Amino acid sequence: MTDRLLQFLNPENFQLAWEKVAKNRGCAGVDKETLTSSSA
């Protein structure tokens, strides 16, 4: 795998992304999932 792909798949990266979305009170996207339904 490339370094960029490994960085993308890093669990810490997903955690940071989740925190940014939560901080911005993210809304449902094309999949219609909200933060509330995703964190349940």
C-alpha atoms as a PDB file:
ATOM      1  CA  MET A   1       0.000   0.000   0.000  1.00  0.00           C
ATOM      2  CA  THR A   2       1.080   3.533  -0.567  1.00  0.00           C
ATOM      3  CA  ASP A   3       1.877   5.876   2.316  1.00  0.00           C
ATOM      4  CA  ARG A   4      -1.137   8.042   1.468  1.00  0.00           C
ATOM      5  CA  LEU A   5      -3.489   5.054   1.575  1.00  0.00           C
ATOM      6  CA  LEU A   6      -2.042   3.874   4.871  1.00  0.00           C
ATOM      7  CA  GLN A   7      -2.495   7.357   6.295  1.00  0.00           C
ATOM      8  CA  PHE A   8      -6.108   7.426   5.099  1.00  0.00           C
ATOM      9  CA  LEU A   9      -6.874   4.034   6.628  1.00  0.00           C
ATOM     10  CA  ASN A  10      -5.233   4.886   9.956  1.00  0.00           C
ATOM     11  CA  PRO A  11      -7.834   4.664  12.768  1.00  0.00           C
ATOM     12  CA  GLU A  12      -6.503   7.908  14.254  1.00  0.00           C
ATOM     13  CA  ASN A  13      -7.370   9.654  10.974  1.00  0.00           C
ATOM     14  CA  PHE A  14     -10.944   8.392  11.165  1.00  0.00           C
ATOM     15  CA  GLN A  15     -11.184   9.572  14.783  1.00  0.00           C
ATOM     16  CA  LEU A  16      -9.959  13.058  13.850  1.00  0.00           C
ATOM     17  CA  ALA A  17     -12.442  13.206  10.976  1.00  0.00           C
ATOM     18  CA  TRP A  18     -15.291  12.113  13.256  1.00  0.00           C
ATOM     19  CA  GLU A  19     -14.363  14.774  15.812  1.00  0.00           C
ATOM     20  CA  LYS A  20     -14.328  17.485  13.120  1.00  0.00           C
ATOM     21  CA  VAL A  21     -17.756  16.445  11.852  1.00  0.00           C
ATOM     22  CA  ALA A  22     -19.155  16.329  15.389  1.00  0.00           C
ATOM     23  CA  LYS A  23     -17.665  19.720  16.225  1.00  0.00           C
ATOM     24  CA  ASN A  24     -19.321  21.202  13.141  1.00  0.00           C
ATOM     25  CA  ARG A  25     -22.587  19.468  14.040  1.00  0.00           C
ATOM     26  CA  GLY A  26     -22.473  17.585  10.759  1.00  0.00           C
ATOM     27  CA  CYS A  27     -25.736  16.801   9.040  1.00  0.00           C
ATOM     28  CA  ALA A  28     -26.855  13.804   7.026  1.00  0.00           C
ATOM     29  CA  GLY A  29     -25.071  13.318   3.725  1.00  0.00           C
ATOM     30  CA  VAL A  30     -26.061  11.351   0.655  1.00  0.00           C
ATOM     31  CA  ASP A  31     -26.516   8.226   2.790  1.00  0.00           C
ATOM     32  CA  LYS A  32     -29.034  10.079   5.012  1.00  0.00           C
ATOM     33  CA  GLU A  33     -27.143   8.983   8.164  1.00  0.00           C
ATOM     34  CA  THR A  34     -26.970  11.506  10.974  1.00  0.00           C
ATOM     35  CA  LEU A  35     -24.384  11.719  13.754  1.00  0.00           C
ATOM     36  CA  THR A  36     -26.979  10.425  16.179  1.00  0.00           C
ATOM     37  CA  SER A  37     -27.779   7.321  14.158  1.00  0.00           C
ATOM     38  CA  SER A  38     -24.109   6.684  13.376  1.00  0.00           C
ATOM     39  CA  SER A  39     -22.955   6.852  16.979  1.00  0.00           C
ATOM     40  CA  ALA A  40     -25.634   4.489  18.295  1.00  0.00           C
END
